[in-house]
Amino acid sequence: PAEQFKYPLKMNVDDRGSFTELLHTLDCGQV
């Protein structure tokens, strides 16, 4: 359904900025 085209990602935020994992794979690590 169209409302699932977008989904949230967990932003790890501190006073330096943020770090957000986008994608994990079984054999090629993460982005």
mmCIF file of all heavy atoms, coordinates in Angstrom:
data_MODEL
# 
_entry.id   MODEL 
# 
loop_
_atom_site.group_PDB 
_atom_site.id 
_atom_site.type_symbol 
_atom_site.label_atom_id 
_atom_site.label_alt_id 
_atom_site.label_comp_id 
_atom_site.label_asym_id 
_atom_site.label_entity_id 
_atom_site.label_seq_id 
_atom_site.pdbx_PDB_ins_code 
_atom_site.Cartn_x 
_atom_site.Cartn_y 
_atom_site.Cartn_z 
_atom_site.occupancy 
_atom_site.B_iso_or_equiv 
_atom_site.pdbx_formal_charge 
_atom_site.auth_seq_id 
_atom_site.auth_comp_id 
_atom_site.auth_asym_id 
_atom_site.auth_atom_id 
_atom_site.pdbx_PDB_model_num 
ATOM 1   N N   . PRO A 1 1  ? 0.844  -1.204  0.000  1.00 0.00 ? 1  PRO A N   1 
ATOM 2   C CA  . PRO A 1 1  ? 0.000  0.000   0.000  1.00 0.00 ? 1  PRO A CA  1 
ATOM 3   C C   . PRO A 1 1  ? 0.872  1.243   0.000  1.00 0.00 ? 1  PRO A C   1 
ATOM 4   O O   . PRO A 1 1  ? 2.007  1.223   0.505  1.00 0.00 ? 1  PRO A O   1 
ATOM 5   C CB  . PRO A 1 1  ? -0.792 -0.140  1.312  1.00 0.00 ? 1  PRO A CB  1 
ATOM 6   C CG  . PRO A 1 1  ? 0.001  -1.058  2.175  1.00 0.00 ? 1  PRO A CG  1 
ATOM 7   C CD  . PRO A 1 1  ? 0.728  -1.987  1.244  1.00 0.00 ? 1  PRO A CD  1 
ATOM 8   N N   . ALA A 1 2  ? 0.365  2.320   -0.567 1.00 0.00 ? 2  ALA A N   1 
ATOM 9   C CA  . ALA A 1 2  ? 1.173  3.520   -0.775 1.00 0.00 ? 2  ALA A CA  1 
ATOM 10  C C   . ALA A 1 2  ? 1.777  4.047   0.518  1.00 0.00 ? 2  ALA A C   1 
ATOM 11  O O   . ALA A 1 2  ? 2.896  4.581   0.518  1.00 0.00 ? 2  ALA A O   1 
ATOM 12  C CB  . ALA A 1 2  ? 0.330  4.602   -1.447 1.00 0.00 ? 2  ALA A CB  1 
ATOM 13  N N   . GLU A 1 3  ? 1.072  3.891   1.628  1.00 0.00 ? 3  GLU A N   1 
ATOM 14  C CA  . GLU A 1 3  ? 1.587  4.426   2.887  1.00 0.00 ? 3  GLU A CA  1 
ATOM 15  C C   . GLU A 1 3  ? 2.824  3.667   3.372  1.00 0.00 ? 3  GLU A C   1 
ATOM 16  O O   . GLU A 1 3  ? 3.531  4.134   4.270  1.00 0.00 ? 3  GLU A O   1 
ATOM 17  C CB  . GLU A 1 3  ? 0.512  4.400   3.976  1.00 0.00 ? 3  GLU A CB  1 
ATOM 18  C CG  . GLU A 1 3  ? -0.053 3.040   4.320  1.00 0.00 ? 3  GLU A CG  1 
ATOM 19  C CD  . GLU A 1 3  ? -1.282 2.693   3.501  1.00 0.00 ? 3  GLU A CD  1 
ATOM 20  O OE1 . GLU A 1 3  ? -1.479 3.306   2.424  1.00 0.00 ? 3  GLU A OE1 1 
ATOM 21  O OE2 . GLU A 1 3  ? -2.058 1.826   3.956  1.00 0.00 ? 3  GLU A OE2 1 
ATOM 22  N N   . GLN A 1 4  ? 3.101  2.502   2.781  1.00 0.00 ? 4  GLN A N   1 
ATOM 23  C CA  . GLN A 1 4  ? 4.299  1.751   3.157  1.00 0.00 ? 4  GLN A CA  1 
ATOM 24  C C   . GLN A 1 4  ? 5.471  1.991   2.204  1.00 0.00 ? 4  GLN A C   1 
ATOM 25  O O   . GLN A 1 4  ? 6.531  1.391   2.371  1.00 0.00 ? 4  GLN A O   1 
ATOM 26  C CB  . GLN A 1 4  ? 3.987  0.255   3.231  1.00 0.00 ? 4  GLN A CB  1 
ATOM 27  C CG  . GLN A 1 4  ? 3.095  -0.133  4.392  1.00 0.00 ? 4  GLN A CG  1 
ATOM 28  C CD  . GLN A 1 4  ? 2.954  -1.642  4.529  1.00 0.00 ? 4  GLN A CD  1 
ATOM 29  O OE1 . GLN A 1 4  ? 3.887  -2.401  4.269  1.00 0.00 ? 4  GLN A OE1 1 
ATOM 30  N NE2 . GLN A 1 4  ? 1.781  -2.086  4.924  1.00 0.00 ? 4  GLN A NE2 1 
ATOM 31  N N   . PHE A 1 5  ? 5.293  2.846   1.218  1.00 0.00 ? 5  PHE A N   1 
ATOM 32  C CA  . PHE A 1 5  ? 6.420  3.177   0.341  1.00 0.00 ? 5  PHE A CA  1 
ATOM 33  C C   . PHE A 1 5  ? 7.551  3.821   1.155  1.00 0.00 ? 5  PHE A C   1 
ATOM 34  O O   . PHE A 1 5  ? 8.723  3.677   0.822  1.00 0.00 ? 5  PHE A O   1 
ATOM 35  C CB  . PHE A 1 5  ? 5.992  4.134   -0.762 1.00 0.00 ? 5  PHE A CB  1 
ATOM 36  C CG  . PHE A 1 5  ? 5.102  3.530   -1.820 1.00 0.00 ? 5  PHE A CG  1 
ATOM 37  C CD1 . PHE A 1 5  ? 4.591  2.250   -1.706 1.00 0.00 ? 5  PHE A CD1 1 
ATOM 38  C CD2 . PHE A 1 5  ? 4.750  4.265   -2.947 1.00 0.00 ? 5  PHE A CD2 1 
ATOM 39  C CE1 . PHE A 1 5  ? 3.774  1.701   -2.683 1.00 0.00 ? 5  PHE A CE1 1 
ATOM 40  C CE2 . PHE A 1 5  ? 3.931  3.722   -3.937 1.00 0.00 ? 5  PHE A CE2 1 
ATOM 41  C CZ  . PHE A 1 5  ? 3.439  2.444   -3.792 1.00 0.00 ? 5  PHE A CZ  1 
ATOM 42  N N   . LYS A 1 6  ? 7.180  4.543   2.195  1.00 0.00 ? 6  LYS A N   1 
ATOM 43  C CA  . LYS A 1 6  ? 8.143  5.221   3.071  1.00 0.00 ? 6  LYS A CA  1 
ATOM 44  C C   . LYS A 1 6  ? 8.174  4.511   4.417  1.00 0.00 ? 6  LYS A C   1 
ATOM 45  O O   . LYS A 1 6  ? 7.138  4.087   4.921  1.00 0.00 ? 6  LYS A O   1 
ATOM 46  C CB  . LYS A 1 6  ? 7.741  6.682   3.253  1.00 0.00 ? 6  LYS A CB  1 
ATOM 47  C CG  . LYS A 1 6  ? 8.655  7.490   4.169  1.00 0.00 ? 6  LYS A CG  1 
ATOM 48  C CD  . LYS A 1 6  ? 8.178  8.922   4.313  1.00 0.00 ? 6  LYS A CD  1 
ATOM 49  C CE  . LYS A 1 6  ? 6.942  8.996   5.210  1.00 0.00 ? 6  LYS A CE  1 
ATOM 50  N NZ  . LYS A 1 6  ? 6.587  10.402  5.552  1.00 0.00 ? 6  LYS A NZ  1 
ATOM 51  N N   . TYR A 1 7  ? 9.369  4.348   4.998  1.00 0.00 ? 7  TYR A N   1 
ATOM 52  C CA  . TYR A 1 7  ? 9.448  3.777   6.333  1.00 0.00 ? 7  TYR A CA  1 
ATOM 53  C C   . TYR A 1 7  ? 10.563 4.473   7.110  1.00 0.00 ? 7  TYR A C   1 
ATOM 54  O O   . TYR A 1 7  ? 11.536 4.967   6.550  1.00 0.00 ? 7  TYR A O   1 
ATOM 55  C CB  . TYR A 1 7  ? 9.665  2.258   6.293  1.00 0.00 ? 7  TYR A CB  1 
ATOM 56  C CG  . TYR A 1 7  ? 10.902 1.784   5.578  1.00 0.00 ? 7  TYR A CG  1 
ATOM 57  C CD1 . TYR A 1 7  ? 12.114 1.613   6.261  1.00 0.00 ? 7  TYR A CD1 1 
ATOM 58  C CD2 . TYR A 1 7  ? 10.875 1.482   4.220  1.00 0.00 ? 7  TYR A CD2 1 
ATOM 59  C CE1 . TYR A 1 7  ? 13.248 1.160   5.621  1.00 0.00 ? 7  TYR A CE1 1 
ATOM 60  C CE2 . TYR A 1 7  ? 12.015 1.018   3.562  1.00 0.00 ? 7  TYR A CE2 1 
ATOM 61  C CZ  . TYR A 1 7  ? 13.189 0.862   4.267  1.00 0.00 ? 7  TYR A CZ  1 
ATOM 62  O OH  . TYR A 1 7  ? 14.313 0.411   3.626  1.00 0.00 ? 7  TYR A OH  1 
ATOM 63  N N   . PRO A 1 8  ? 10.429 4.551   8.451  1.00 0.00 ? 8  PRO A N   1 
ATOM 64  C CA  . PRO A 1 8  ? 11.396 5.297   9.253  1.00 0.00 ? 8  PRO A CA  1 
ATOM 65  C C   . PRO A 1 8  ? 12.689 4.510   9.465  1.00 0.00 ? 8  PRO A C   1 
ATOM 66  O O   . PRO A 1 8  ? 12.707 3.278   9.432  1.00 0.00 ? 8  PRO A O   1 
ATOM 67  C CB  . PRO A 1 8  ? 10.662 5.495   10.582 1.00 0.00 ? 8  PRO A CB  1 
ATOM 68  C CG  . PRO A 1 8  ? 9.756  4.299   10.678 1.00 0.00 ? 8  PRO A CG  1 
ATOM 69  C CD  . PRO A 1 8  ? 9.325  4.004   9.263  1.00 0.00 ? 8  PRO A CD  1 
ATOM 70  N N   . LEU A 1 9  ? 13.766 5.234   9.689  1.00 0.00 ? 9  LEU A N   1 
ATOM 71  C CA  . LEU A 1 9  ? 15.051 4.659   10.053 1.00 0.00 ? 9  LEU A CA  1 
ATOM 72  C C   . LEU A 1 9  ? 15.470 5.226   11.402 1.00 0.00 ? 9  LEU A C   1 
ATOM 73  O O   . LEU A 1 9  ? 15.117 6.355   11.751 1.00 0.00 ? 9  LEU A O   1 
ATOM 74  C CB  . LEU A 1 9  ? 16.106 4.989   8.998  1.00 0.00 ? 9  LEU A CB  1 
ATOM 75  C CG  . LEU A 1 9  ? 15.867 4.401   7.606  1.00 0.00 ? 9  LEU A CG  1 
ATOM 76  C CD1 . LEU A 1 9  ? 16.809 5.045   6.597  1.00 0.00 ? 9  LEU A CD1 1 
ATOM 77  C CD2 . LEU A 1 9  ? 16.048 2.894   7.615  1.00 0.00 ? 9  LEU A CD2 1 
ATOM 78  N N   . LYS A 1 10 ? 16.221 4.442   12.163 1.00 0.00 ? 10 LYS A N   1 
ATOM 79  C CA  . LYS A 1 10 ? 16.650 4.877   13.492 1.00 0.00 ? 10 LYS A CA  1 
ATOM 80  C C   . LYS A 1 10 ? 17.874 5.783   13.378 1.00 0.00 ? 10 LYS A C   1 
ATOM 81  O O   . LYS A 1 10 ? 18.949 5.340   12.978 1.00 0.00 ? 10 LYS A O   1 
ATOM 82  C CB  . LYS A 1 10 ? 16.974 3.671   14.368 1.00 0.00 ? 10 LYS A CB  1 
ATOM 83  C CG  . LYS A 1 10 ? 17.404 4.063   15.776 1.00 0.00 ? 10 LYS A CG  1 
ATOM 84  C CD  . LYS A 1 10 ? 17.844 2.845   16.582 1.00 0.00 ? 10 LYS A CD  1 
ATOM 85  C CE  . LYS A 1 10 ? 18.339 3.276   17.958 1.00 0.00 ? 10 LYS A CE  1 
ATOM 86  N NZ  . LYS A 1 10 ? 18.856 2.130   18.743 1.00 0.00 ? 10 LYS A NZ  1 
ATOM 87  N N   . MET A 1 11 ? 17.687 7.054   13.743 1.00 0.00 ? 11 MET A N   1 
ATOM 88  C CA  . MET A 1 11 ? 18.795 7.996   13.760 1.00 0.00 ? 11 MET A CA  1 
ATOM 89  C C   . MET A 1 11 ? 19.413 8.013   15.154 1.00 0.00 ? 11 MET A C   1 
ATOM 90  O O   . MET A 1 11 ? 18.723 8.255   16.146 1.00 0.00 ? 11 MET A O   1 
ATOM 91  C CB  . MET A 1 11 ? 18.319 9.401   13.388 1.00 0.00 ? 11 MET A CB  1 
ATOM 92  C CG  . MET A 1 11 ? 17.814 9.546   11.972 1.00 0.00 ? 11 MET A CG  1 
ATOM 93  S SD  . MET A 1 11 ? 17.264 11.236  11.603 1.00 0.00 ? 11 MET A SD  1 
ATOM 94  C CE  . MET A 1 11 ? 18.819 12.153  11.724 1.00 0.00 ? 11 MET A CE  1 
ATOM 95  N N   . ASN A 1 12 ? 20.715 7.716   15.233 1.00 0.00 ? 12 ASN A N   1 
ATOM 96  C CA  . ASN A 1 12 ? 21.443 7.793   16.502 1.00 0.00 ? 12 ASN A CA  1 
ATOM 97  C C   . ASN A 1 12 ? 22.035 9.201   16.593 1.00 0.00 ? 12 ASN A C   1 
ATOM 98  O O   . ASN A 1 12 ? 23.008 9.515   15.900 1.00 0.00 ? 12 ASN A O   1 
ATOM 99  C CB  . ASN A 1 12 ? 22.532 6.728   16.543 1.00 0.00 ? 12 ASN A CB  1 
ATOM 100 C CG  . ASN A 1 12 ? 21.953 5.327   16.403 1.00 0.00 ? 12 ASN A CG  1 
ATOM 101 O OD1 . ASN A 1 12 ? 21.316 4.824   17.314 1.00 0.00 ? 12 ASN A OD1 1 
ATOM 102 N ND2 . ASN A 1 12 ? 22.155 4.711   15.242 1.00 0.00 ? 12 ASN A ND2 1 
ATOM 103 N N   . VAL A 1 13 ? 21.411 10.035  17.432 1.00 0.00 ? 13 VAL A N   1 
ATOM 104 C CA  . VAL A 1 13 ? 21.719 11.468  17.451 1.00 0.00 ? 13 VAL A CA  1 
ATOM 105 C C   . VAL A 1 13 ? 22.435 11.831  18.748 1.00 0.00 ? 13 VAL A C   1 
ATOM 106 O O   . VAL A 1 13 ? 22.059 11.390  19.844 1.00 0.00 ? 13 VAL A O   1 
ATOM 107 C CB  . VAL A 1 13 ? 20.419 12.291  17.314 1.00 0.00 ? 13 VAL A CB  1 
ATOM 108 C CG1 . VAL A 1 13 ? 20.737 13.786  17.322 1.00 0.00 ? 13 VAL A CG1 1 
ATOM 109 C CG2 . VAL A 1 13 ? 19.668 11.900  16.046 1.00 0.00 ? 13 VAL A CG2 1 
ATOM 110 N N   . ASP A 1 14 ? 23.490 12.645  18.632 1.00 0.00 ? 14 ASP A N   1 
ATOM 111 C CA  . ASP A 1 14 ? 24.122 13.258  19.800 1.00 0.00 ? 14 ASP A CA  1 
ATOM 112 C C   . ASP A 1 14 ? 24.561 14.669  19.418 1.00 0.00 ? 14 ASP A C   1 
ATOM 113 O O   . ASP A 1 14 ? 24.198 15.162  18.338 1.00 0.00 ? 14 ASP A O   1 
ATOM 114 C CB  . ASP A 1 14 ? 25.282 12.411  20.335 1.00 0.00 ? 14 ASP A CB  1 
ATOM 115 C CG  . ASP A 1 14 ? 26.381 12.184  19.305 1.00 0.00 ? 14 ASP A CG  1 
ATOM 116 O OD1 . ASP A 1 14 ? 26.495 12.989  18.350 1.00 0.00 ? 14 ASP A OD1 1 
ATOM 117 O OD2 . ASP A 1 14 ? 27.140 11.200  19.432 1.00 0.00 ? 14 ASP A OD2 1 
ATOM 118 N N   . ASP A 1 15 ? 25.333 15.308  20.290 1.00 0.00 ? 15 ASP A N   1 
ATOM 119 C CA  . ASP A 1 15 ? 25.692 16.701  20.012 1.00 0.00 ? 15 ASP A CA  1 
ATOM 120 C C   . ASP A 1 15 ? 26.682 16.840  18.862 1.00 0.00 ? 15 ASP A C   1 
ATOM 121 O O   . ASP A 1 15 ? 26.968 17.950  18.403 1.00 0.00 ? 15 ASP A O   1 
ATOM 122 C CB  . ASP A 1 15 ? 26.228 17.382  21.270 1.00 0.00 ? 15 ASP A CB  1 
ATOM 123 C CG  . ASP A 1 15 ? 27.437 16.675  21.870 1.00 0.00 ? 15 ASP A CG  1 
ATOM 124 O OD1 . ASP A 1 15 ? 27.887 15.647  21.286 1.00 0.00 ? 15 ASP A OD1 1 
ATOM 125 O OD2 . ASP A 1 15 ? 27.935 17.122  22.915 1.00 0.00 ? 15 ASP A OD2 1 
ATOM 126 N N   . ARG A 1 16 ? 27.215 15.724  18.357 1.00 0.00 ? 16 ARG A N   1 
ATOM 127 C CA  . ARG A 1 16 ? 28.143 15.774  17.224 1.00 0.00 ? 16 ARG A CA  1 
ATOM 128 C C   . ARG A 1 16 ? 27.417 15.690  15.879 1.00 0.00 ? 16 ARG A C   1 
ATOM 129 O O   . ARG A 1 16 ? 27.981 16.019  14.846 1.00 0.00 ? 16 ARG A O   1 
ATOM 130 C CB  . ARG A 1 16 ? 29.148 14.631  17.308 1.00 0.00 ? 16 ARG A CB  1 
ATOM 131 C CG  . ARG A 1 16 ? 29.987 14.629  18.579 1.00 0.00 ? 16 ARG A CG  1 
ATOM 132 C CD  . ARG A 1 16 ? 30.849 13.365  18.632 1.00 0.00 ? 16 ARG A CD  1 
ATOM 133 N NE  . ARG A 1 16 ? 30.024 12.171  18.569 1.00 0.00 ? 16 ARG A NE  1 
ATOM 134 C CZ  . ARG A 1 16 ? 30.473 10.958  18.227 1.00 0.00 ? 16 ARG A CZ  1 
ATOM 135 N NH1 . ARG A 1 16 ? 31.744 10.815  17.890 1.00 0.00 ? 16 ARG A NH1 1 
ATOM 136 N NH2 . ARG A 1 16 ? 29.657 9.923   18.213 1.00 0.00 ? 16 ARG A NH2 1 
ATOM 137 N N   . GLY A 1 17 ? 26.168 15.183  15.914 1.00 0.00 ? 17 GLY A N   1 
ATOM 138 C CA  . GLY A 1 17 ? 25.419 14.976  14.676 1.00 0.00 ? 17 GLY A CA  1 
ATOM 139 C C   . GLY A 1 17 ? 24.590 13.712  14.772 1.00 0.00 ? 17 GLY A C   1 
ATOM 140 O O   . GLY A 1 17 ? 23.959 13.460  15.806 1.00 0.00 ? 17 GLY A O   1 
ATOM 141 N N   . SER A 1 18 ? 24.623 12.892  13.733 1.00 0.00 ? 18 SER A N   1 
ATOM 142 C CA  . SER A 1 18 ? 23.828 11.657  13.747 1.00 0.00 ? 18 SER A CA  1 
ATOM 143 C C   . SER A 1 18 ? 24.520 10.581  12.929 1.00 0.00 ? 18 SER A C   1 
ATOM 144 O O   . SER A 1 18 ? 25.366 10.863  12.070 1.00 0.00 ? 18 SER A O   1 
ATOM 145 C CB  . SER A 1 18 ? 22.417 11.906  13.204 1.00 0.00 ? 18 SER A CB  1 
ATOM 146 O OG  . SER A 1 18 ? 22.465 12.230  11.822 1.00 0.00 ? 18 SER A OG  1 
ATOM 147 N N   . PHE A 1 19 ? 24.112 9.330   13.223 1.00 0.00 ? 19 PHE A N   1 
ATOM 148 C CA  . PHE A 1 19 ? 24.593 8.172   12.480 1.00 0.00 ? 19 PHE A CA  1 
ATOM 149 C C   . PHE A 1 19 ? 23.393 7.259   12.262 1.00 0.00 ? 19 PHE A C   1 
ATOM 150 O O   . PHE A 1 19 ? 22.725 6.865   13.224 1.00 0.00 ? 19 PHE A O   1 
ATOM 151 C CB  . PHE A 1 19 ? 25.701 7.448   13.252 1.00 0.00 ? 19 PHE A CB  1 
ATOM 152 C CG  . PHE A 1 19 ? 26.231 6.234   12.538 1.00 0.00 ? 19 PHE A CG  1 
ATOM 153 C CD1 . PHE A 1 19 ? 27.148 6.360   11.513 1.00 0.00 ? 19 PHE A CD1 1 
ATOM 154 C CD2 . PHE A 1 19 ? 25.795 4.955   12.885 1.00 0.00 ? 19 PHE A CD2 1 
ATOM 155 C CE1 . PHE A 1 19 ? 27.653 5.248   10.856 1.00 0.00 ? 19 PHE A CE1 1 
ATOM 156 C CE2 . PHE A 1 19 ? 26.288 3.834   12.224 1.00 0.00 ? 19 PHE A CE2 1 
ATOM 157 C CZ  . PHE A 1 19 ? 27.217 3.982   11.211 1.00 0.00 ? 19 PHE A CZ  1 
ATOM 158 N N   . THR A 1 20 ? 23.113 6.921   10.996 1.00 0.00 ? 20 THR A N   1 
ATOM 159 C CA  . THR A 1 20 ? 21.917 6.143   10.667 1.00 0.00 ? 20 THR A CA  1 
ATOM 160 C C   . THR A 1 20 ? 22.289 4.980   9.765  1.00 0.00 ? 20 THR A C   1 
ATOM 161 O O   . THR A 1 20 ? 22.858 5.181   8.681  1.00 0.00 ? 20 THR A O   1 
ATOM 162 C CB  . THR A 1 20 ? 20.875 7.028   9.953  1.00 0.00 ? 20 THR A CB  1 
ATOM 163 O OG1 . THR A 1 20 ? 20.596 8.175   10.755 1.00 0.00 ? 20 THR A OG1 1 
ATOM 164 C CG2 . THR A 1 20 ? 19.589 6.251   9.704  1.00 0.00 ? 20 THR A CG2 1 
ATOM 165 N N   . GLU A 1 21 ? 21.966 3.764   10.215 1.00 0.00 ? 21 GLU A N   1 
ATOM 166 C CA  . GLU A 1 21 ? 22.177 2.585   9.383  1.00 0.00 ? 21 GLU A CA  1 
ATOM 167 C C   . GLU A 1 21 ? 21.046 2.491   8.365  1.00 0.00 ? 21 GLU A C   1 
ATOM 168 O O   . GLU A 1 21 ? 19.868 2.623   8.715  1.00 0.00 ? 21 GLU A O   1 
ATOM 169 C CB  . GLU A 1 21 ? 22.231 1.323   10.248 1.00 0.00 ? 21 GLU A CB  1 
ATOM 170 C CG  . GLU A 1 21 ? 23.423 1.316   11.195 1.00 0.00 ? 21 GLU A CG  1 
ATOM 171 C CD  . GLU A 1 21 ? 23.464 0.072   12.066 1.00 0.00 ? 21 GLU A CD  1 
ATOM 172 O OE1 . GLU A 1 21 ? 22.523 -0.735  11.989 1.00 0.00 ? 21 GLU A OE1 1 
ATOM 173 O OE2 . GLU A 1 21 ? 24.434 -0.087  12.836 1.00 0.00 ? 21 GLU A OE2 1 
ATOM 174 N N   . LEU A 1 22 ? 21.399 2.273   7.109  1.00 0.00 ? 22 LEU A N   1 
ATOM 175 C CA  . LEU A 1 22 ? 20.421 2.250   6.026  1.00 0.00 ? 22 LEU A CA  1 
ATOM 176 C C   . LEU A 1 22 ? 20.055 0.834   5.595  1.00 0.00 ? 22 LEU A C   1 
ATOM 177 O O   . LEU A 1 22 ? 18.889 0.533   5.340  1.00 0.00 ? 22 LEU A O   1 
ATOM 178 C CB  . LEU A 1 22 ? 20.951 3.010   4.805  1.00 0.00 ? 22 LEU A CB  1 
ATOM 179 C CG  . LEU A 1 22 ? 21.404 4.454   5.027  1.00 0.00 ? 22 LEU A CG  1 
ATOM 180 C CD1 . LEU A 1 22 ? 21.911 5.025   3.705  1.00 0.00 ? 22 LEU A CD1 1 
ATOM 181 C CD2 . LEU A 1 22 ? 20.285 5.300   5.591  1.00 0.00 ? 22 LEU A CD2 1 
ATOM 182 N N   . LEU A 1 23 ? 21.067 -0.032  5.499  1.00 0.00 ? 23 LEU A N   1 
ATOM 183 C CA  . LEU A 1 23 ? 20.843 -1.346  4.902  1.00 0.00 ? 23 LEU A CA  1 
ATOM 184 C C   . LEU A 1 23 ? 21.871 -2.332  5.437  1.00 0.00 ? 23 LEU A C   1 
ATOM 185 O O   . LEU A 1 23 ? 23.055 -2.023  5.531  1.00 0.00 ? 23 LEU A O   1 
ATOM 186 C CB  . LEU A 1 23 ? 20.980 -1.241  3.372  1.00 0.00 ? 23 LEU A CB  1 
ATOM 187 C CG  . LEU A 1 23 ? 20.676 -2.490  2.552  1.00 0.00 ? 23 LEU A CG  1 
ATOM 188 C CD1 . LEU A 1 23 ? 19.187 -2.805  2.590  1.00 0.00 ? 23 LEU A CD1 1 
ATOM 189 C CD2 . LEU A 1 23 ? 21.124 -2.292  1.103  1.00 0.00 ? 23 LEU A CD2 1 
ATOM 190 N N   . HIS A 1 24 ? 21.370 -3.543  5.791  1.00 0.00 ? 24 HIS A N   1 
ATOM 191 C CA  . HIS A 1 24 ? 22.252 -4.651  6.157  1.00 0.00 ? 24 HIS A CA  1 
ATOM 192 C C   . HIS A 1 24 ? 22.144 -5.737  5.098  1.00 0.00 ? 24 HIS A C   1 
ATOM 193 O O   . HIS A 1 24 ? 21.071 -5.949  4.523  1.00 0.00 ? 24 HIS A O   1 
ATOM 194 C CB  . HIS A 1 24 ? 21.832 -5.252  7.507  1.00 0.00 ? 24 HIS A CB  1 
ATOM 195 C CG  . HIS A 1 24 ? 22.031 -4.345  8.667  1.00 0.00 ? 24 HIS A CG  1 
ATOM 196 N ND1 . HIS A 1 24 ? 21.609 -4.662  9.943  1.00 0.00 ? 24 HIS A ND1 1 
ATOM 197 C CD2 . HIS A 1 24 ? 22.616 -3.115  8.767  1.00 0.00 ? 24 HIS A CD2 1 
ATOM 198 C CE1 . HIS A 1 24 ? 21.920 -3.684  10.771 1.00 0.00 ? 24 HIS A CE1 1 
ATOM 199 N NE2 . HIS A 1 24 ? 22.521 -2.727  10.080 1.00 0.00 ? 24 HIS A NE2 1 
ATOM 200 N N   . THR A 1 25 ? 23.241 -6.436  4.864  1.00 0.00 ? 25 THR A N   1 
ATOM 201 C CA  . THR A 1 25 ? 23.223 -7.575  3.948  1.00 0.00 ? 25 THR A CA  1 
ATOM 202 C C   . THR A 1 25 ? 23.815 -8.790  4.659  1.00 0.00 ? 25 THR A C   1 
ATOM 203 O O   . THR A 1 25 ? 24.520 -8.661  5.662  1.00 0.00 ? 25 THR A O   1 
ATOM 204 C CB  . THR A 1 25 ? 24.019 -7.299  2.668  1.00 0.00 ? 25 THR A CB  1 
ATOM 205 O OG1 . THR A 1 25 ? 25.412 -7.247  2.981  1.00 0.00 ? 25 THR A OG1 1 
ATOM 206 C CG2 . THR A 1 25 ? 23.587 -5.990  2.023  1.00 0.00 ? 25 THR A CG2 1 
ATOM 207 N N   . LEU A 1 26 ? 23.536 -9.974  4.119  1.00 0.00 ? 26 LEU A N   1 
ATOM 208 C CA  . LEU A 1 26 ? 24.036 -11.204 4.719  1.00 0.00 ? 26 LEU A CA  1 
ATOM 209 C C   . LEU A 1 26 ? 25.525 -11.413 4.477  1.00 0.00 ? 26 LEU A C   1 
ATOM 210 O O   . LEU A 1 26 ? 26.207 -12.030 5.296  1.00 0.00 ? 26 LEU A O   1 
ATOM 211 C CB  . LEU A 1 26 ? 23.260 -12.406 4.174  1.00 0.00 ? 26 LEU A CB  1 
ATOM 212 C CG  . LEU A 1 26 ? 21.824 -12.553 4.672  1.00 0.00 ? 26 LEU A CG  1 
ATOM 213 C CD1 . LEU A 1 26 ? 21.084 -13.598 3.850  1.00 0.00 ? 26 LEU A CD1 1 
ATOM 214 C CD2 . LEU A 1 26 ? 21.808 -12.924 6.152  1.00 0.00 ? 26 LEU A CD2 1 
ATOM 215 N N   . ASP A 1 27 ? 26.037 -10.899 3.364  1.00 0.00 ? 27 ASP A N   1 
ATOM 216 C CA  . ASP A 1 27 ? 27.424 -11.213 3.024  1.00 0.00 ? 27 ASP A CA  1 
ATOM 217 C C   . ASP A 1 27 ? 28.238 -10.027 2.525  1.00 0.00 ? 27 ASP A C   1 
ATOM 218 O O   . ASP A 1 27 ? 29.404 -10.199 2.158  1.00 0.00 ? 27 ASP A O   1 
ATOM 219 C CB  . ASP A 1 27 ? 27.469 -12.323 1.972  1.00 0.00 ? 27 ASP A CB  1 
ATOM 220 C CG  . ASP A 1 27 ? 26.661 -11.990 0.726  1.00 0.00 ? 27 ASP A CG  1 
ATOM 221 O OD1 . ASP A 1 27 ? 26.003 -10.940 0.705  1.00 0.00 ? 27 ASP A OD1 1 
ATOM 222 O OD2 . ASP A 1 27 ? 26.689 -12.787 -0.225 1.00 0.00 ? 27 ASP A OD2 1 
ATOM 223 N N   . CYS A 1 28 ? 27.647 -8.839  2.522  1.00 0.00 ? 28 CYS A N   1 
ATOM 224 C CA  . CYS A 1 28 ? 28.380 -7.665  2.034  1.00 0.00 ? 28 CYS A CA  1 
ATOM 225 C C   . CYS A 1 28 ? 28.362 -6.511  3.028  1.00 0.00 ? 28 CYS A C   1 
ATOM 226 O O   . CYS A 1 28 ? 28.624 -5.364  2.660  1.00 0.00 ? 28 CYS A O   1 
ATOM 227 C CB  . CYS A 1 28 ? 27.815 -7.200  0.687  1.00 0.00 ? 28 CYS A CB  1 
ATOM 228 S SG  . CYS A 1 28 ? 28.036 -8.398  -0.634 1.00 0.00 ? 28 CYS A SG  1 
ATOM 229 N N   . GLY A 1 29 ? 28.053 -6.790  4.291  1.00 0.00 ? 29 GLY A N   1 
ATOM 230 C CA  . GLY A 1 29 ? 28.112 -5.757  5.305  1.00 0.00 ? 29 GLY A CA  1 
ATOM 231 C C   . GLY A 1 29 ? 26.924 -4.830  5.328  1.00 0.00 ? 29 GLY A C   1 
ATOM 232 O O   . GLY A 1 29 ? 25.787 -5.259  5.098  1.00 0.00 ? 29 GLY A O   1 
ATOM 233 N N   . GLN A 1 30 ? 27.174 -3.548  5.584  1.00 0.00 ? 30 GLN A N   1 
ATOM 234 C CA  . GLN A 1 30 ? 26.098 -2.583  5.759  1.00 0.00 ? 30 GLN A CA  1 
ATOM 235 C C   . GLN A 1 30 ? 26.448 -1.249  5.125  1.00 0.00 ? 30 GLN A C   1 
ATOM 236 O O   . GLN A 1 30 ? 27.606 -0.973  4.808  1.00 0.00 ? 30 GLN A O   1 
ATOM 237 C CB  . GLN A 1 30 ? 25.789 -2.385  7.240  1.00 0.00 ? 30 GLN A CB  1 
ATOM 238 C CG  . GLN A 1 30 ? 26.878 -1.695  8.031  1.00 0.00 ? 30 GLN A CG  1 
ATOM 239 C CD  . GLN A 1 30 ? 26.488 -1.497  9.498  1.00 0.00 ? 30 GLN A CD  1 
ATOM 240 O OE1 . GLN A 1 30 ? 26.040 -2.418  10.173 1.00 0.00 ? 30 GLN A OE1 1 
ATOM 241 N NE2 . GLN A 1 30 ? 26.669 -0.271  9.990  1.00 0.00 ? 30 GLN A NE2 1 
ATOM 242 N N   . VAL A 1 31 ? 25.409 -0.433  4.954  1.00 0.00 ? 31 VAL A N   1 
ATOM 243 C CA  . VAL A 1 31 ? 25.550 0.928   4.431  1.00 0.00 ? 31 VAL A CA  1 
ATOM 244 C C   . VAL A 1 31 ? 24.896 1.875   5.428  1.00 0.00 ? 31 VAL A C   1 
ATOM 245 O O   . VAL A 1 31 ? 23.784 1.602   5.925  1.00 0.00 ? 31 VAL A O   1 
ATOM 246 C CB  . VAL A 1 31 ? 24.894 1.081   3.042  1.00 0.00 ? 31 VAL A CB  1 
ATOM 247 C CG1 . VAL A 1 31 ? 25.095 2.505   2.517  1.00 0.00 ? 31 VAL A CG1 1 
ATOM 248 C CG2 . VAL A 1 31 ? 25.465 0.067   2.063  1.00 0.00 ? 31 VAL A CG2 1 
# 
